[in-house]
Amino acid sequence: MSIQSLLDYISVIPDIRQQGKVKHKLSDILFLTVCAVIAGADEWQEIEDFGHERLEWLKKYGDFDNDIPVDDTIARVVNNIDSLVFEKMFIEWMQACHEITDGEIIAIDGKTIRGSYDKGKRKGAIHMVSCVLDRKWCCAWAGEN
């Protein structure tokens, strides 16, 4: 599964922003956010920092014509997309990444980062999802000493 496939899935999310005011492409913001969260970012500022540190790599897959958006822009855009559409896209992408075969289990765990929501600062809660592939034979083997 290629990074391009993630971009293909991201492209189905509608951009409801006023186009005359858009400085950063929705696909760039979402690609940056997904990559940063997978890498361990759990705050908007950390997502921005991830982007600055890896801008050249990100430009291989997105435009980022106006550099990396600031943390407030990332937060505002992510908080205003339809979470059900994003969830559906993310699940479909994860399913496409790996075909489950007999004896394999993908454990998915989701958490809302405590303290990540601050209404006064217009900071929405950050939700993280982690996935672990497990095989029955690995579990059985791990139980034997």
C-alpha atoms as a PDB file:
ATOM      1  CA  MET A   1       0.000   0.000   0.000  1.00  0.00           C
ATOM      2  CA  SER A   2       1.538   3.280  -1.071  1.00  0.00           C
ATOM      3  CA  ILE A   3       1.406   6.743   0.407  1.00  0.00           C
ATOM      4  CA  GLN A   4      -0.407   7.725  -2.774  1.00  0.00           C
ATOM      5  CA  SER A   5      -3.308   5.526  -1.673  1.00  0.00           C
ATOM      6  CA  LEU A   6      -3.650   7.571   1.527  1.00  0.00           C
ATOM      7  CA  LEU A   7      -3.785  10.716  -0.586  1.00  0.00           C
ATOM      8  CA  ASP A   8      -6.427   9.104  -2.796  1.00  0.00           C
ATOM      9  CA  TYR A   9      -8.576   8.334   0.241  1.00  0.00           C
ATOM     10  CA  ILE A  10      -8.048  11.830   1.686  1.00  0.00           C
ATOM     11  CA  SER A  11      -9.187  13.387  -1.595  1.00  0.00           C
ATOM     12  CA  VAL A  12     -12.771  12.174  -1.033  1.00  0.00           C
ATOM     13  CA  ILE A  13     -13.210  14.423   2.003  1.00  0.00           C
ATOM     14  CA  PRO A  14     -15.131  17.535   0.937  1.00  0.00           C
ATOM     15  CA  ASP A  15     -13.548  20.932   1.534  1.00  0.00           C
ATOM     16  CA  ILE A  16     -16.303  23.199   2.874  1.00  0.00           C
ATOM     17  CA  ARG A  17     -14.078  26.238   3.387  1.00  0.00           C
ATOM     18  CA  GLN A  18     -14.671  29.498   1.512  1.00  0.00           C
ATOM     19  CA  GLN A  19     -12.361  29.006  -1.461  1.00  0.00           C
ATOM     20  CA  GLY A  20     -11.355  32.678  -1.649  1.00  0.00           C
ATOM     21  CA  LYS A  21      -9.866  32.435   1.843  1.00  0.00           C
ATOM     22  CA  VAL A  22      -8.052  29.113   1.415  1.00  0.00           C
ATOM     23  CA  LYS A  23      -4.268  29.287   1.715  1.00  0.00           C
ATOM     24  CA  HIS A  24      -3.497  25.581   2.277  1.00  0.00           C
ATOM     25  CA  LYS A  25      -5.012  22.618   0.433  1.00  0.00           C
ATOM     26  CA  LEU A  26      -7.243  20.400   2.549  1.00  0.00           C
ATOM     27  CA  SER A  27      -5.381  17.326   1.317  1.00  0.00           C
ATOM     28  CA  ASP A  28      -2.067  18.824   2.502  1.00  0.00           C
ATOM     29  CA  ILE A  29      -3.447  19.603   5.969  1.00  0.00           C
ATOM     30  CA  LEU A  30      -5.014  16.169   6.400  1.00  0.00           C
ATOM     31  CA  PHE A  31      -1.965  14.334   5.029  1.00  0.00           C
ATOM     32  CA  LEU A  32       0.290  16.286   7.400  1.00  0.00           C
ATOM     33  CA  THR A  33      -2.043  15.592  10.327  1.00  0.00           C
ATOM     34  CA  VAL A  34      -2.383  11.848   9.687  1.00  0.00           C
ATOM     35  CA  CYS A  35       1.385  11.430   9.235  1.00  0.00           C
ATOM     36  CA  ALA A  36       2.192  13.481  12.338  1.00  0.00           C
ATOM     37  CA  VAL A  37      -0.302  11.614  14.531  1.00  0.00           C
ATOM     38  CA  ILE A  38       0.985   8.253  13.280  1.00  0.00           C
ATOM     39  CA  ALA A  39       4.472   9.496  14.227  1.00  0.00           C
ATOM     40  CA  GLY A  40       3.266  10.311  17.752  1.00  0.00           C
ATOM     41  CA  ALA A  41       2.141  13.944  17.647  1.00  0.00           C
ATOM     42  CA  ASP A  42      -0.681  14.594  20.082  1.00  0.00           C
ATOM     43  CA  GLU A  43      -0.952  18.390  20.029  1.00  0.00           C
ATOM     44  CA  TRP A  44      -1.632  20.837  17.211  1.00  0.00           C
ATOM     45  CA  GLN A  45       1.764  22.503  17.738  1.00  0.00           C
ATOM     46  CA  GLU A  46       3.486  19.117  17.449  1.00  0.00           C
ATOM     47  CA  ILE A  47       1.712  18.537  14.129  1.00  0.00           C
ATOM     48  CA  GLU A  48       2.995  21.904  12.872  1.00  0.00           C
ATOM     49  CA  ASP A  49       6.507  21.122  14.147  1.00  0.00           C
ATOM     50  CA  PHE A  50       6.422  17.718  12.409  1.00  0.00           C
ATOM     51  CA  GLY A  51       5.572  19.525   9.178  1.00  0.00           C
ATOM     52  CA  HIS A  52       8.459  21.976   9.464  1.00  0.00           C
ATOM     53  CA  GLU A  53      10.910  19.180  10.291  1.00  0.00           C
ATOM     54  CA  ARG A  54       9.790  17.036   7.337  1.00  0.00           C
ATOM     55  CA  LEU A  55       8.698  19.616   4.784  1.00  0.00           C
ATOM     56  CA  GLU A  56      10.912  18.299   1.985  1.00  0.00           C
ATOM     57  CA  TRP A  57       9.535  14.776   2.440  1.00  0.00           C
ATOM     58  CA  LEU A  58       5.941  16.059   2.621  1.00  0.00           C
ATOM     59  CA  LYS A  59       6.446  17.992  -0.634  1.00  0.00           C
ATOM     60  CA  LYS A  60       7.075  14.685  -2.417  1.00  0.00           C
ATOM     61  CA  TYR A  61       3.394  13.876  -1.868  1.00  0.00           C
ATOM     62  CA  GLY A  62       1.620  17.217  -1.447  1.00  0.00           C
ATOM     63  CA  ASP A  63       1.973  20.760  -2.707  1.00  0.00           C
ATOM     64  CA  PHE A  64       2.588  22.710   0.503  1.00  0.00           C
ATOM     65  CA  ASP A  65       2.953  25.791  -1.733  1.00  0.00           C
ATOM     66  CA  ASN A  66       2.452  28.118   1.234  1.00  0.00           C
ATOM     67  CA  ASP A  67       4.715  26.182   3.594  1.00  0.00           C
ATOM     68  CA  ILE A  68       3.242  24.430   6.640  1.00  0.00           C
ATOM     69  CA  PRO A  69       0.027  25.818   8.126  1.00  0.00           C
ATOM     70  CA  VAL A  70       0.219  27.156  11.683  1.00  0.00           C
ATOM     71  CA  ASP A  71      -1.222  25.079  14.502  1.00  0.00           C
ATOM     72  CA  ASP A  72      -4.396  27.216  14.769  1.00  0.00           C
ATOM     73  CA  THR A  73      -5.142  26.656  11.075  1.00  0.00           C
ATOM     74  CA  ILE A  74      -4.576  22.912  11.387  1.00  0.00           C
ATOM     75  CA  ALA A  75      -6.892  22.790  14.423  1.00  0.00           C
ATOM     76  CA  ARG A  76      -9.609  24.883  12.780  1.00  0.00           C
ATOM     77  CA  VAL A  77      -9.595  22.852   9.556  1.00  0.00           C
ATOM     78  CA  VAL A  78      -9.510  19.453  11.270  1.00  0.00           C
ATOM     79  CA  ASN A  79     -12.247  20.455  13.721  1.00  0.00           C
ATOM     80  CA  ASN A  80     -14.516  21.580  10.871  1.00  0.00           C
ATOM     81  CA  ILE A  81     -14.369  18.511   8.650  1.00  0.00           C
ATOM     82  CA  ASP A  82     -17.161  15.957   8.913  1.00  0.00           C
ATOM     83  CA  SER A  83     -15.802  13.478  11.458  1.00  0.00           C
ATOM     84  CA  LEU A  84     -18.024  10.661  10.153  1.00  0.00           C
ATOM     85  CA  VAL A  85     -16.690  11.117   6.620  1.00  0.00           C
ATOM     86  CA  PHE A  86     -13.118  11.187   7.951  1.00  0.00           C
ATOM     87  CA  GLU A  87     -13.722   8.097  10.082  1.00  0.00           C
ATOM     88  CA  LYS A  88     -15.165   6.207   7.099  1.00  0.00           C
ATOM     89  CA  MET A  89     -12.203   7.241   4.933  1.00  0.00           C
ATOM     90  CA  PHE A  90      -9.680   6.225   7.593  1.00  0.00           C
ATOM     91  CA  ILE A  91     -11.274   2.814   8.151  1.00  0.00           C
ATOM     92  CA  GLU A  92     -11.430   2.140   4.407  1.00  0.00           C
ATOM     93  CA  TRP A  93      -7.771   3.146   4.032  1.00  0.00           C
ATOM     94  CA  MET A  94      -6.708   0.914   6.921  1.00  0.00           C
ATOM     95  CA  GLN A  95      -8.671  -2.007   5.475  1.00  0.00           C
ATOM     96  CA  ALA A  96      -7.054  -1.444   2.089  1.00  0.00           C
ATOM     97  CA  CYS A  97      -3.606  -1.407   3.699  1.00  0.00           C
ATOM     98  CA  HIS A  98      -3.874  -4.962   4.848  1.00  0.00           C
ATOM     99  CA  GLU A  99      -6.010  -7.900   3.865  1.00  0.00           C
ATOM    100  CA  ILE A 100      -6.939  -9.995   6.873  1.00  0.00           C
ATOM    101  CA  THR A 101      -6.299 -13.674   6.358  1.00  0.00           C
ATOM    102  CA  ASP A 102      -7.055 -16.689   8.504  1.00  0.00           C
ATOM    103  CA  GLY A 103      -5.475 -16.338  11.916  1.00  0.00           C
ATOM    104  CA  GLU A 104      -4.756 -12.607  11.734  1.00  0.00           C
ATOM    105  CA  ILE A 105      -6.331  -9.985  13.933  1.00  0.00           C
ATOM    106  CA  ILE A 106      -5.997  -6.221  13.740  1.00  0.00           C
ATOM    107  CA  ALA A 107      -6.492  -4.668  17.162  1.00  0.00           C
ATOM    108  CA  ILE A 108      -7.638  -1.052  16.932  1.00  0.00           C
ATOM    109  CA  ASP A 109      -7.592   1.205  19.960  1.00  0.00           C
ATOM    110  CA  GLY A 110      -8.838   4.772  20.055  1.00  0.00           C
ATOM    111  CA  LYS A 111      -8.286   7.408  22.685  1.00  0.00           C
ATOM    112  CA  THR A 112      -9.049  11.059  23.176  1.00  0.00           C
ATOM    113  CA  ILE A 113      -5.961  12.807  24.517  1.00  0.00           C
ATOM    114  CA  ARG A 114      -6.727  14.088  27.995  1.00  0.00           C
ATOM    115  CA  GLY A 115      -6.482  17.851  28.265  1.00  0.00           C
ATOM    116  CA  SER A 116      -6.341  18.357  24.498  1.00  0.00           C
ATOM    117  CA  TYR A 117      -9.686  20.190  24.414  1.00  0.00           C
ATOM    118  CA  ASP A 118      -9.662  23.886  25.320  1.00  0.00           C
ATOM    119  CA  LYS A 119     -12.748  25.804  24.249  1.00  0.00           C
ATOM    120  CA  GLY A 120     -11.216  29.135  25.274  1.00  0.00           C
ATOM    121  CA  LYS A 121      -8.291  28.655  22.897  1.00  0.00           C
ATOM    122  CA  ARG A 122     -10.498  27.068  20.202  1.00  0.00           C
ATOM    123  CA  LYS A 123      -8.473  23.907  20.609  1.00  0.00           C
ATOM    124  CA  GLY A 124     -10.503  20.793  19.793  1.00  0.00           C
ATOM    125  CA  ALA A 125      -9.809  17.449  21.376  1.00  0.00           C
ATOM    126  CA  ILE A 126      -7.219  15.278  19.666  1.00  0.00           C
ATOM    127  CA  HIS A 127      -8.312  11.722  18.939  1.00  0.00           C
ATOM    128  CA  MET A 128      -5.661   9.074  18.332  1.00  0.00           C
ATOM    129  CA  VAL A 129      -6.050   5.616  16.848  1.00  0.00           C
ATOM    130  CA  SER A 130      -3.453   2.880  17.076  1.00  0.00           C
ATOM    131  CA  CYS A 131      -3.521  -0.406  15.198  1.00  0.00           C
ATOM    132  CA  VAL A 132      -1.608  -3.591  15.917  1.00  0.00           C
ATOM    133  CA  LEU A 133      -1.496  -6.661  13.685  1.00  0.00           C
ATOM    134  CA  ASP A 134      -1.460  -9.918  15.602  1.00  0.00           C
ATOM    135  CA  ARG A 135      -1.329 -13.521  14.448  1.00  0.00           C
ATOM    136  CA  LYS A 136      -2.696 -16.436  16.425  1.00  0.00           C
ATOM    137  CA  TRP A 137       0.545 -18.356  16.086  1.00  0.00           C
ATOM    138  CA  CYS A 138       2.484 -15.397  17.510  1.00  0.00           C
ATOM    139  CA  CYS A 139       0.248 -15.291  20.561  1.00  0.00           C
ATOM    140  CA  ALA A 140       0.527 -19.052  21.071  1.00  0.00           C
ATOM    141  CA  TRP A 141       4.294 -18.900  20.680  1.00  0.00           C
ATOM    142  CA  ALA A 142       4.578 -15.952  23.059  1.00  0.00           C
ATOM    143  CA  GLY A 143       2.751 -17.977  25.707  1.00  0.00           C
ATOM    144  CA  GLU A 144       5.379 -20.741  25.627  1.00  0.00           C
ATOM    145  CA  ASN A 145       8.574 -20.211  27.598  1.00  0.00           C
END
